[in-house]
C-alpha cells in the first residue's frame, strides 16, 4: 500500500479469527491492497476474542514487513493516563484486558483550549477508531489496582507523534518508542 492509498467504507463480513496469529495474517492481507476498508479492519479486530495465553507470550510489537502498519500492544499502568495525542493517520484499538476510558477533544478557537466532547469506556474485546478528523484523544486506565492492555493498529506507521500539553496549550513532537520482551523498537523504519 502506498502513501496515496485510499480508505473504502463498505461493509463485508470478516473471516473467523480463531487466534492472534489469524488476526495478524488477516491484517497483513488487508493492507496488501491499495484500498483499505477501515470498517472491515475494525470488524476483523473485533472478531478476535482476547486470549491472554496468546498475547502474553508474543512480542509486544508487530510491524508489517513493508512498513504499511504497526501494531503495538500497549500496557496501561494503574489509574494512569496517556498523553493527549494528535494521531497521524488512522488508529484502531482493541481492549485485551482491563478497561480504559477514552476521552475525545476538539479545539475551541474561542476559548483557546481543548474541549472534551465524548467519553467512551472500552471493555475487553471492545474496538474503537480515531483519526484527526474525529478529534484528539486521551486514554486512561479505569482501575486503581490492575493494569490494562490494549492492541493498537496504526496506519500508516509513524515514529513521531504530536502531544498536546493542556497546561501550556502547545503541541510538541515526541519520538515513539515501543518495547518488546527483549527488543526496544525506536521508530518504525
N, C-alpha and C. Protein backbone atom coordinates (compact mmCIF):
# COMPACT_ATOMS: atom_id res chain seq x y z
N UNK A 1 0.85 -1.17 0.00
CA UNK A 1 0.00 0.00 0.00
C UNK A 1 0.89 1.23 0.00
N UNK A 2 0.57 2.22 -0.77
CA UNK A 2 1.41 3.41 -0.84
C UNK A 2 0.76 4.58 -0.10
N UNK A 3 1.50 5.70 -0.02
CA UNK A 3 1.01 6.87 0.72
C UNK A 3 -0.27 7.44 0.12
N UNK A 4 -0.53 7.16 -1.15
CA UNK A 4 -1.73 7.69 -1.80
C UNK A 4 -2.90 6.72 -1.71
N UNK A 5 -2.76 5.65 -0.95
CA UNK A 5 -3.84 4.67 -0.81
C UNK A 5 -5.08 5.32 -0.23
N UNK A 6 -6.20 4.70 -0.49
CA UNK A 6 -7.45 5.27 -0.01
C UNK A 6 -8.13 4.33 0.96
N UNK A 7 -9.06 4.89 1.71
CA UNK A 7 -9.89 4.09 2.59
C UNK A 7 -11.24 3.92 1.93
N UNK A 8 -11.76 2.72 1.98
CA UNK A 8 -13.04 2.41 1.39
C UNK A 8 -14.00 2.14 2.53
N UNK A 9 -15.22 2.66 2.45
CA UNK A 9 -16.20 2.49 3.52
C UNK A 9 -17.36 1.63 3.03
N UNK A 10 -17.13 0.34 2.90
CA UNK A 10 -18.19 -0.60 2.57
C UNK A 10 -18.10 -1.75 3.56
N UNK A 11 -19.20 -2.38 3.82
CA UNK A 11 -19.21 -3.47 4.79
C UNK A 11 -19.14 -4.82 4.11
N UNK A 12 -18.41 -5.72 4.74
CA UNK A 12 -18.40 -7.12 4.36
C UNK A 12 -18.03 -7.90 5.62
N UNK A 13 -18.42 -9.14 5.65
CA UNK A 13 -18.21 -9.95 6.85
C UNK A 13 -16.77 -10.46 6.90
N UNK A 14 -16.08 -10.25 8.04
CA UNK A 14 -14.70 -10.72 8.15
C UNK A 14 -14.65 -12.23 8.33
N UNK A 15 -13.51 -12.84 8.02
CA UNK A 15 -13.38 -14.28 8.28
C UNK A 15 -13.35 -14.53 9.78
N UNK A 16 -13.53 -15.77 10.15
CA UNK A 16 -13.47 -16.11 11.57
C UNK A 16 -12.02 -16.02 12.02
N UNK A 17 -11.78 -15.23 13.04
CA UNK A 17 -10.44 -15.08 13.59
C UNK A 17 -10.36 -15.96 14.83
N UNK A 18 -9.64 -17.06 14.73
CA UNK A 18 -9.60 -18.04 15.81
C UNK A 18 -8.52 -17.76 16.84
N UNK A 19 -7.45 -17.09 16.41
CA UNK A 19 -6.33 -16.85 17.32
C UNK A 19 -5.60 -15.57 16.91
N UNK A 20 -4.67 -15.16 17.74
CA UNK A 20 -3.94 -13.93 17.49
C UNK A 20 -3.16 -13.99 16.17
N UNK A 21 -2.59 -15.14 15.86
CA UNK A 21 -1.86 -15.30 14.59
C UNK A 21 -2.79 -15.12 13.38
N UNK A 22 -4.05 -15.60 13.48
CA UNK A 22 -5.02 -15.38 12.40
C UNK A 22 -5.28 -13.89 12.21
N UNK A 23 -5.35 -13.15 13.33
CA UNK A 23 -5.56 -11.71 13.26
C UNK A 23 -4.41 -11.04 12.51
N UNK A 24 -3.19 -11.38 12.87
CA UNK A 24 -2.01 -10.78 12.23
C UNK A 24 -2.01 -11.11 10.73
N UNK A 25 -2.27 -12.37 10.38
CA UNK A 25 -2.28 -12.77 8.96
C UNK A 25 -3.34 -12.01 8.17
N UNK A 26 -4.54 -11.87 8.75
CA UNK A 26 -5.62 -11.17 8.04
C UNK A 26 -5.30 -9.69 7.88
N UNK A 27 -4.71 -9.07 8.89
CA UNK A 27 -4.32 -7.66 8.77
C UNK A 27 -3.26 -7.47 7.68
N UNK A 28 -2.30 -8.37 7.62
CA UNK A 28 -1.29 -8.30 6.55
C UNK A 28 -1.97 -8.42 5.18
N UNK A 29 -2.95 -9.33 5.06
CA UNK A 29 -3.66 -9.50 3.79
C UNK A 29 -4.42 -8.22 3.43
N UNK A 30 -5.12 -7.64 4.38
CA UNK A 30 -5.92 -6.44 4.13
C UNK A 30 -5.04 -5.31 3.62
N UNK A 31 -3.89 -5.11 4.24
CA UNK A 31 -3.04 -3.98 3.90
C UNK A 31 -2.18 -4.21 2.66
N UNK A 32 -2.35 -5.35 1.99
CA UNK A 32 -1.70 -5.56 0.69
C UNK A 32 -2.40 -4.76 -0.40
N UNK A 33 -3.64 -4.38 -0.17
CA UNK A 33 -4.46 -3.69 -1.16
C UNK A 33 -4.16 -2.19 -1.19
N UNK A 34 -4.50 -1.55 -2.30
CA UNK A 34 -4.37 -0.10 -2.41
C UNK A 34 -5.57 0.61 -1.80
N UNK A 35 -6.63 -0.11 -1.51
CA UNK A 35 -7.82 0.46 -0.86
C UNK A 35 -8.10 -0.34 0.39
N UNK A 36 -8.13 0.34 1.53
CA UNK A 36 -8.37 -0.34 2.80
C UNK A 36 -9.74 0.08 3.32
N UNK A 37 -10.56 -0.90 3.63
CA UNK A 37 -11.88 -0.67 4.22
C UNK A 37 -11.67 -0.61 5.74
N UNK A 38 -11.64 0.61 6.29
CA UNK A 38 -11.33 0.76 7.72
C UNK A 38 -12.41 0.14 8.60
N UNK A 39 -13.66 0.12 8.14
CA UNK A 39 -14.71 -0.56 8.91
C UNK A 39 -14.45 -2.07 8.94
N UNK A 40 -13.94 -2.61 7.84
CA UNK A 40 -13.59 -4.02 7.81
C UNK A 40 -12.44 -4.31 8.79
N UNK A 41 -11.45 -3.41 8.83
CA UNK A 41 -10.34 -3.57 9.78
C UNK A 41 -10.89 -3.61 11.20
N UNK A 42 -11.80 -2.70 11.52
CA UNK A 42 -12.43 -2.69 12.84
C UNK A 42 -13.16 -4.00 13.10
N UNK A 43 -13.92 -4.49 12.11
CA UNK A 43 -14.65 -5.75 12.26
C UNK A 43 -13.71 -6.93 12.47
N UNK A 44 -12.60 -6.94 11.74
CA UNK A 44 -11.61 -8.02 11.89
C UNK A 44 -11.03 -7.99 13.30
N UNK A 45 -10.64 -6.80 13.76
CA UNK A 45 -10.09 -6.72 15.12
C UNK A 45 -11.14 -7.09 16.16
N UNK A 46 -12.38 -6.70 15.95
CA UNK A 46 -13.46 -7.04 16.89
C UNK A 46 -13.75 -8.53 16.89
N UNK A 47 -13.49 -9.22 15.78
CA UNK A 47 -13.76 -10.66 15.72
C UNK A 47 -12.72 -11.47 16.49
N UNK A 48 -11.57 -10.85 16.79
CA UNK A 48 -10.58 -11.53 17.64
C UNK A 48 -11.02 -11.40 19.09
N UNK A 49 -11.18 -12.52 19.76
CA UNK A 49 -11.56 -12.53 21.17
C UNK A 49 -10.27 -12.63 21.98
N UNK A 50 -10.09 -11.70 22.88
CA UNK A 50 -8.87 -11.63 23.68
C UNK A 50 -8.57 -12.95 24.38
N UNK A 51 -7.35 -13.41 24.23
CA UNK A 51 -6.89 -14.62 24.88
C UNK A 51 -5.50 -14.34 25.46
N UNK A 52 -5.43 -14.01 26.75
CA UNK A 52 -4.15 -13.66 27.35
C UNK A 52 -3.05 -14.71 27.16
N UNK A 53 -3.42 -15.98 27.06
CA UNK A 53 -2.42 -17.03 26.84
C UNK A 53 -1.70 -16.81 25.51
N UNK A 54 -2.39 -16.23 24.53
CA UNK A 54 -1.77 -15.98 23.22
C UNK A 54 -0.93 -14.70 23.25
N UNK A 55 -1.54 -13.59 23.66
CA UNK A 55 -0.84 -12.32 23.51
C UNK A 55 0.20 -12.05 24.58
N UNK A 56 0.17 -12.74 25.71
CA UNK A 56 1.20 -12.54 26.74
C UNK A 56 2.53 -13.14 26.33
N UNK A 57 2.52 -14.17 25.51
CA UNK A 57 3.77 -14.84 25.17
C UNK A 57 4.40 -14.33 23.88
N UNK A 58 3.74 -13.42 23.20
CA UNK A 58 4.29 -12.92 21.95
C UNK A 58 4.95 -11.57 22.16
N UNK A 59 5.65 -11.12 21.12
CA UNK A 59 6.28 -9.80 21.17
C UNK A 59 5.21 -8.73 21.32
N UNK A 60 5.58 -7.61 21.88
CA UNK A 60 4.65 -6.51 22.11
C UNK A 60 4.46 -5.65 20.87
N UNK A 61 5.12 -5.99 19.77
CA UNK A 61 5.08 -5.11 18.61
C UNK A 61 5.07 -5.94 17.34
N UNK A 62 4.11 -5.70 16.48
CA UNK A 62 4.02 -6.37 15.18
C UNK A 62 4.17 -5.31 14.11
N UNK A 63 5.16 -5.44 13.25
CA UNK A 63 5.33 -4.47 12.19
C UNK A 63 5.17 -5.18 10.86
N UNK A 64 4.28 -4.65 10.03
CA UNK A 64 4.11 -5.17 8.68
C UNK A 64 5.46 -5.04 7.98
N UNK A 65 5.88 -6.09 7.27
CA UNK A 65 7.22 -6.10 6.68
C UNK A 65 7.43 -5.00 5.66
N UNK A 66 6.38 -4.50 5.04
CA UNK A 66 6.52 -3.41 4.08
C UNK A 66 6.40 -2.05 4.76
N UNK A 67 6.26 -2.00 6.07
CA UNK A 67 6.13 -0.74 6.78
C UNK A 67 4.79 -0.07 6.55
N UNK A 68 3.74 -0.86 6.26
CA UNK A 68 2.43 -0.30 5.95
C UNK A 68 1.64 0.03 7.21
N UNK A 69 1.75 -0.80 8.24
CA UNK A 69 1.08 -0.52 9.51
C UNK A 69 1.95 -0.99 10.65
N UNK A 70 1.66 -0.50 11.84
CA UNK A 70 2.33 -1.02 13.04
C UNK A 70 1.25 -1.35 14.05
N UNK A 71 1.54 -2.31 14.92
CA UNK A 71 0.53 -2.77 15.85
C UNK A 71 1.16 -3.08 17.20
N UNK A 72 1.41 -2.06 18.01
CA UNK A 72 1.94 -2.34 19.35
C UNK A 72 0.84 -2.75 20.32
N UNK A 73 1.23 -3.55 21.29
CA UNK A 73 0.36 -3.90 22.40
C UNK A 73 0.74 -2.93 23.50
N UNK A 74 -0.20 -2.17 24.02
CA UNK A 74 0.11 -1.12 24.98
C UNK A 74 -0.38 -1.53 26.37
N UNK A 75 0.53 -1.49 27.34
CA UNK A 75 0.18 -1.79 28.73
C UNK A 75 -0.02 -0.47 29.46
N UNK A 76 -1.16 -0.33 30.13
CA UNK A 76 -1.51 0.90 30.83
C UNK A 76 -1.40 0.64 32.34
N UNK A 77 -0.56 1.40 33.02
CA UNK A 77 -0.40 1.26 34.47
C UNK A 77 -1.69 1.61 35.20
N UNK A 78 -1.72 1.32 36.50
CA UNK A 78 -2.90 1.59 37.31
C UNK A 78 -3.24 3.07 37.30
N UNK A 79 -4.49 3.37 37.01
CA UNK A 79 -5.03 4.73 37.06
C UNK A 79 -4.12 5.74 36.35
N UNK A 80 -3.42 5.30 35.34
CA UNK A 80 -2.51 6.17 34.60
C UNK A 80 -3.16 6.53 33.28
N UNK A 81 -2.93 7.76 32.83
CA UNK A 81 -3.46 8.19 31.55
C UNK A 81 -2.32 8.43 30.58
N UNK A 82 -2.61 8.22 29.32
CA UNK A 82 -1.66 8.56 28.27
C UNK A 82 -1.84 10.04 27.95
N UNK A 83 -0.90 10.59 27.22
CA UNK A 83 -0.99 12.00 26.85
C UNK A 83 -2.08 12.22 25.81
N UNK A 84 -2.54 13.45 25.71
CA UNK A 84 -3.50 13.86 24.69
C UNK A 84 -2.74 13.94 23.37
N UNK A 85 -3.11 13.09 22.41
CA UNK A 85 -2.32 12.97 21.18
C UNK A 85 -3.13 13.34 19.95
N UNK A 86 -2.40 13.82 18.95
CA UNK A 86 -2.95 14.02 17.61
C UNK A 86 -2.45 12.83 16.80
N UNK A 87 -3.36 11.98 16.38
CA UNK A 87 -2.99 10.77 15.66
C UNK A 87 -2.67 11.09 14.21
N UNK A 88 -1.60 10.55 13.72
CA UNK A 88 -1.22 10.71 12.33
C UNK A 88 -1.84 9.53 11.58
N UNK A 89 -2.80 9.80 10.74
CA UNK A 89 -3.47 8.72 10.01
C UNK A 89 -4.59 8.12 10.83
N UNK A 90 -4.63 6.79 10.88
CA UNK A 90 -5.73 6.04 11.48
C UNK A 90 -5.22 5.21 12.64
N UNK A 91 -6.05 5.10 13.67
CA UNK A 91 -5.73 4.24 14.81
C UNK A 91 -6.96 3.44 15.17
N UNK A 92 -6.83 2.12 15.21
CA UNK A 92 -7.90 1.23 15.66
C UNK A 92 -7.38 0.53 16.92
N UNK A 93 -8.17 0.53 17.99
CA UNK A 93 -7.75 -0.01 19.27
C UNK A 93 -8.72 -1.10 19.70
N UNK A 94 -8.18 -2.26 20.12
CA UNK A 94 -8.99 -3.31 20.74
C UNK A 94 -8.51 -3.50 22.16
N UNK A 95 -9.45 -3.55 23.10
CA UNK A 95 -9.14 -3.74 24.50
C UNK A 95 -8.92 -5.23 24.75
N UNK A 96 -7.74 -5.61 25.27
CA UNK A 96 -7.41 -7.02 25.51
C UNK A 96 -7.64 -7.44 26.96
N UNK A 97 -7.38 -6.55 27.90
CA UNK A 97 -7.67 -6.85 29.32
C UNK A 97 -7.92 -5.54 30.06
N UNK A 98 -8.62 -5.65 31.17
CA UNK A 98 -8.95 -4.45 31.94
C UNK A 98 -9.93 -3.57 31.19
N UNK A 99 -9.97 -2.30 31.56
CA UNK A 99 -10.89 -1.35 30.92
C UNK A 99 -10.21 0.01 30.82
N UNK A 100 -10.46 0.69 29.73
CA UNK A 100 -9.92 2.03 29.51
C UNK A 100 -11.05 3.03 29.33
N UNK A 101 -10.78 4.27 29.71
CA UNK A 101 -11.66 5.39 29.40
C UNK A 101 -10.98 6.18 28.29
N UNK A 102 -11.70 6.38 27.20
CA UNK A 102 -11.18 7.20 26.11
C UNK A 102 -11.92 8.53 26.14
N UNK A 103 -11.16 9.61 26.13
CA UNK A 103 -11.71 10.96 26.09
C UNK A 103 -11.34 11.57 24.74
N UNK A 104 -12.31 12.16 24.06
CA UNK A 104 -12.05 12.85 22.79
C UNK A 104 -12.25 14.35 22.99
N UNK A 105 -11.39 15.12 22.31
CA UNK A 105 -11.37 16.57 22.46
C UNK A 105 -11.38 17.25 21.10
N UNK A 106 -11.91 18.49 21.09
CA UNK A 106 -11.81 19.35 19.92
C UNK A 106 -11.23 20.69 20.37
N UNK A 107 -10.61 21.39 19.44
CA UNK A 107 -10.01 22.68 19.74
C UNK A 107 -11.08 23.76 19.69
N UNK A 108 -11.15 24.60 20.73
CA UNK A 108 -12.07 25.73 20.77
C UNK A 108 -11.28 26.99 20.45
N UNK A 109 -11.53 27.57 19.28
CA UNK A 109 -10.85 28.81 18.90
C UNK A 109 -11.25 29.96 19.82
N UNK A 110 -12.50 29.93 20.29
CA UNK A 110 -12.98 31.00 21.18
C UNK A 110 -12.30 30.95 22.55
N UNK A 111 -12.20 29.76 23.10
CA UNK A 111 -11.61 29.61 24.44
C UNK A 111 -10.11 29.34 24.40
N UNK A 112 -9.57 29.05 23.21
CA UNK A 112 -8.15 28.73 23.04
C UNK A 112 -7.72 27.57 23.93
N UNK A 113 -8.55 26.51 23.91
CA UNK A 113 -8.23 25.31 24.68
C UNK A 113 -8.94 24.10 24.09
N UNK A 114 -8.51 22.93 24.54
CA UNK A 114 -9.16 21.69 24.13
C UNK A 114 -10.41 21.49 24.98
N UNK A 115 -11.52 21.15 24.31
CA UNK A 115 -12.80 20.92 24.99
C UNK A 115 -13.17 19.45 24.83
N UNK A 116 -13.40 18.73 25.96
CA UNK A 116 -13.84 17.34 25.83
C UNK A 116 -15.26 17.28 25.26
N UNK A 117 -15.50 16.33 24.34
CA UNK A 117 -16.85 16.22 23.77
C UNK A 117 -17.38 14.79 23.78
N UNK A 118 -16.53 13.81 24.09
CA UNK A 118 -17.00 12.43 24.09
C UNK A 118 -16.15 11.61 25.04
N UNK A 119 -16.81 10.71 25.79
CA UNK A 119 -16.11 9.76 26.65
C UNK A 119 -16.66 8.37 26.38
N UNK A 120 -15.77 7.41 26.20
CA UNK A 120 -16.16 6.04 25.92
C UNK A 120 -15.42 5.11 26.87
N UNK A 121 -16.10 4.11 27.37
CA UNK A 121 -15.47 3.08 28.19
C UNK A 121 -15.22 1.87 27.29
N UNK A 122 -13.98 1.41 27.25
CA UNK A 122 -13.62 0.22 26.48
C UNK A 122 -13.42 -0.95 27.43
N UNK A 123 -14.21 -1.99 27.23
CA UNK A 123 -14.08 -3.23 28.00
C UNK A 123 -13.39 -4.26 27.10
N UNK A 124 -13.05 -5.41 27.67
CA UNK A 124 -12.37 -6.46 26.91
C UNK A 124 -13.15 -6.77 25.64
N UNK A 125 -12.42 -6.80 24.52
CA UNK A 125 -12.89 -7.09 23.16
C UNK A 125 -13.63 -5.92 22.50
N UNK A 126 -13.79 -4.79 23.16
CA UNK A 126 -14.35 -3.60 22.51
C UNK A 126 -13.31 -3.01 21.57
N UNK A 127 -13.78 -2.41 20.48
CA UNK A 127 -12.90 -1.81 19.48
C UNK A 127 -13.34 -0.37 19.24
N UNK A 128 -12.37 0.53 19.11
CA UNK A 128 -12.66 1.92 18.78
C UNK A 128 -11.74 2.39 17.66
N UNK A 129 -12.13 3.49 17.03
CA UNK A 129 -11.42 4.04 15.88
C UNK A 129 -11.23 5.54 16.08
N UNK A 130 -10.05 6.06 15.73
CA UNK A 130 -9.80 7.50 15.85
C UNK A 130 -8.90 7.96 14.70
N UNK A 131 -9.14 9.18 14.25
CA UNK A 131 -8.20 9.88 13.37
C UNK A 131 -8.37 11.37 13.66
N UNK A 132 -7.49 12.18 13.10
CA UNK A 132 -7.51 13.62 13.43
C UNK A 132 -8.84 14.29 13.13
N UNK A 133 -9.56 13.82 12.11
CA UNK A 133 -10.84 14.46 11.78
C UNK A 133 -11.90 14.21 12.86
N UNK A 134 -11.68 13.21 13.71
CA UNK A 134 -12.62 12.90 14.79
C UNK A 134 -12.23 13.55 16.11
N UNK A 135 -11.11 14.27 16.12
CA UNK A 135 -10.65 14.94 17.33
C UNK A 135 -9.37 14.32 17.86
N UNK A 136 -8.84 14.93 18.91
CA UNK A 136 -7.69 14.37 19.62
C UNK A 136 -8.23 13.45 20.69
N UNK A 137 -7.36 12.57 21.19
CA UNK A 137 -7.87 11.69 22.24
C UNK A 137 -6.83 11.38 23.28
N UNK A 138 -7.33 10.90 24.41
CA UNK A 138 -6.53 10.54 25.56
C UNK A 138 -7.15 9.26 26.12
N UNK A 139 -6.31 8.32 26.55
CA UNK A 139 -6.81 7.08 27.13
C UNK A 139 -6.28 6.94 28.54
N UNK A 140 -7.14 6.42 29.43
CA UNK A 140 -6.77 6.27 30.83
C UNK A 140 -7.27 4.93 31.35
N UNK A 141 -6.42 4.24 32.10
CA UNK A 141 -6.81 3.01 32.76
C UNK A 141 -7.84 3.35 33.83
N UNK A 142 -8.96 2.63 33.85
CA UNK A 142 -10.03 2.90 34.83
C UNK A 142 -9.70 2.38 36.22
N UNK A 143 -8.82 1.39 36.30
CA UNK A 143 -8.54 0.73 37.57
C UNK A 143 -7.46 1.46 38.37
N UNK A 144 -7.60 1.39 39.68
CA UNK A 144 -6.59 1.92 40.59
C UNK A 144 -5.64 0.82 41.04
N UNK A 145 -5.91 -0.43 40.64
CA UNK A 145 -5.09 -1.53 41.14
C UNK A 145 -4.65 -2.54 40.09
N UNK A 146 -5.28 -2.55 38.92
CA UNK A 146 -4.96 -3.54 37.89
C UNK A 146 -4.50 -2.86 36.60
N UNK A 147 -3.51 -3.43 35.92
CA UNK A 147 -3.12 -2.86 34.62
C UNK A 147 -4.17 -3.19 33.56
N UNK A 148 -4.13 -2.46 32.47
CA UNK A 148 -4.99 -2.73 31.31
C UNK A 148 -4.08 -2.89 30.10
N UNK A 149 -4.50 -3.73 29.15
CA UNK A 149 -3.72 -3.96 27.93
C UNK A 149 -4.62 -3.73 26.73
N UNK A 150 -4.12 -2.97 25.76
CA UNK A 150 -4.88 -2.74 24.53
C UNK A 150 -3.96 -2.93 23.33
N UNK A 151 -4.57 -3.30 22.22
CA UNK A 151 -3.86 -3.56 20.97
C UNK A 151 -4.17 -2.39 20.03
N UNK A 152 -3.14 -1.72 19.55
CA UNK A 152 -3.30 -0.53 18.70
C UNK A 152 -2.79 -0.83 17.30
N UNK A 153 -3.59 -0.50 16.30
CA UNK A 153 -3.17 -0.62 14.91
C UNK A 153 -3.04 0.81 14.36
N UNK A 154 -1.84 1.16 13.92
CA UNK A 154 -1.59 2.48 13.35
C UNK A 154 -1.36 2.36 11.85
N UNK A 155 -2.10 3.14 11.08
CA UNK A 155 -1.89 3.19 9.63
C UNK A 155 -1.90 4.65 9.19
N UNK A 156 -0.89 5.13 8.52
CA UNK A 156 0.39 4.46 8.31
C UNK A 156 1.19 4.42 9.60
N UNK A 157 2.22 3.56 9.66
CA UNK A 157 3.06 3.55 10.86
C UNK A 157 3.77 4.89 10.99
N UNK A 158 4.10 5.25 12.20
CA UNK A 158 4.80 6.51 12.40
C UNK A 158 5.82 6.36 13.51
N UNK A 159 6.79 7.24 13.53
CA UNK A 159 7.80 7.19 14.57
C UNK A 159 7.80 8.45 15.43
N UNK A 160 6.87 9.38 15.13
CA UNK A 160 6.73 10.58 15.94
C UNK A 160 5.24 10.88 16.11
N UNK A 161 4.91 11.55 17.18
CA UNK A 161 3.51 11.86 17.48
C UNK A 161 3.44 13.26 18.10
N UNK A 162 2.39 14.00 17.79
CA UNK A 162 2.17 15.30 18.42
C UNK A 162 1.46 15.10 19.75
N UNK A 163 2.06 15.62 20.81
CA UNK A 163 1.49 15.56 22.15
C UNK A 163 1.02 16.96 22.51
N UNK A 164 -0.20 17.07 22.98
CA UNK A 164 -0.76 18.35 23.37
C UNK A 164 -0.59 18.55 24.87
N UNK A 165 0.01 19.65 25.28
CA UNK A 165 0.20 19.98 26.69
C UNK A 165 -0.96 20.88 27.13
N UNK A 166 -1.85 20.35 27.96
CA UNK A 166 -3.03 21.09 28.39
C UNK A 166 -2.68 22.30 29.26
N UNK A 167 -1.52 22.27 29.92
CA UNK A 167 -1.12 23.40 30.76
C UNK A 167 -0.68 24.60 29.93
N UNK A 168 0.08 24.33 28.83
CA UNK A 168 0.63 25.43 28.03
C UNK A 168 -0.19 25.72 26.78
N UNK A 169 -1.02 24.76 26.34
CA UNK A 169 -1.78 24.93 25.11
C UNK A 169 -0.94 24.71 23.87
N UNK A 170 0.25 24.12 24.02
CA UNK A 170 1.16 23.91 22.90
C UNK A 170 1.33 22.43 22.58
N UNK A 171 1.66 22.16 21.31
CA UNK A 171 1.99 20.80 20.87
C UNK A 171 3.50 20.63 20.91
N UNK A 172 3.93 19.41 21.15
CA UNK A 172 5.34 19.08 20.98
C UNK A 172 5.42 17.77 20.21
N UNK A 173 6.47 17.61 19.45
CA UNK A 173 6.67 16.41 18.66
C UNK A 173 7.54 15.45 19.46
N UNK A 174 7.04 14.25 19.71
CA UNK A 174 7.75 13.26 20.51
C UNK A 174 8.05 12.02 19.67
N UNK A 175 9.21 11.44 19.89
CA UNK A 175 9.57 10.19 19.22
C UNK A 175 8.85 9.04 19.91
N UNK A 176 8.29 8.14 19.12
CA UNK A 176 7.58 6.98 19.65
C UNK A 176 8.58 5.84 19.84
N UNK A 177 8.48 5.16 20.96
CA UNK A 177 9.34 4.01 21.24
C UNK A 177 8.45 2.88 21.73
N UNK A 178 8.64 1.69 21.18
CA UNK A 178 7.89 0.52 21.59
C UNK A 178 8.88 -0.51 22.11
N UNK A 179 8.52 -1.21 23.18
CA UNK A 179 9.38 -2.23 23.75
C UNK A 179 8.73 -3.59 23.58
N UNK A 180 9.56 -4.58 23.33
CA UNK A 180 9.13 -5.96 23.34
C UNK A 180 9.81 -6.59 24.56
N UNK A 181 9.66 -7.88 24.73
CA UNK A 181 10.30 -8.54 25.86
C UNK A 181 11.80 -8.28 25.86
N UNK A 182 12.42 -8.44 24.71
CA UNK A 182 13.87 -8.32 24.64
C UNK A 182 14.35 -7.30 23.63
N UNK A 183 13.42 -6.56 23.01
CA UNK A 183 13.79 -5.66 21.93
C UNK A 183 13.19 -4.29 22.17
N UNK A 184 13.96 -3.24 21.93
CA UNK A 184 13.48 -1.87 22.01
C UNK A 184 13.36 -1.35 20.59
N UNK A 185 12.14 -1.02 20.16
CA UNK A 185 11.91 -0.51 18.81
C UNK A 185 11.76 1.00 18.89
N UNK A 186 12.76 1.73 18.44
CA UNK A 186 12.64 3.17 18.36
C UNK A 186 12.36 3.49 16.92
N UNK A 187 11.21 4.02 16.65
CA UNK A 187 10.83 4.32 15.27
C UNK A 187 10.32 3.08 14.56
N UNK A 188 9.88 3.29 13.34
CA UNK A 188 9.22 2.23 12.58
C UNK A 188 10.08 1.78 11.41
N UNK A 189 11.10 2.53 11.06
CA UNK A 189 11.85 2.27 9.83
C UNK A 189 12.76 1.08 9.93
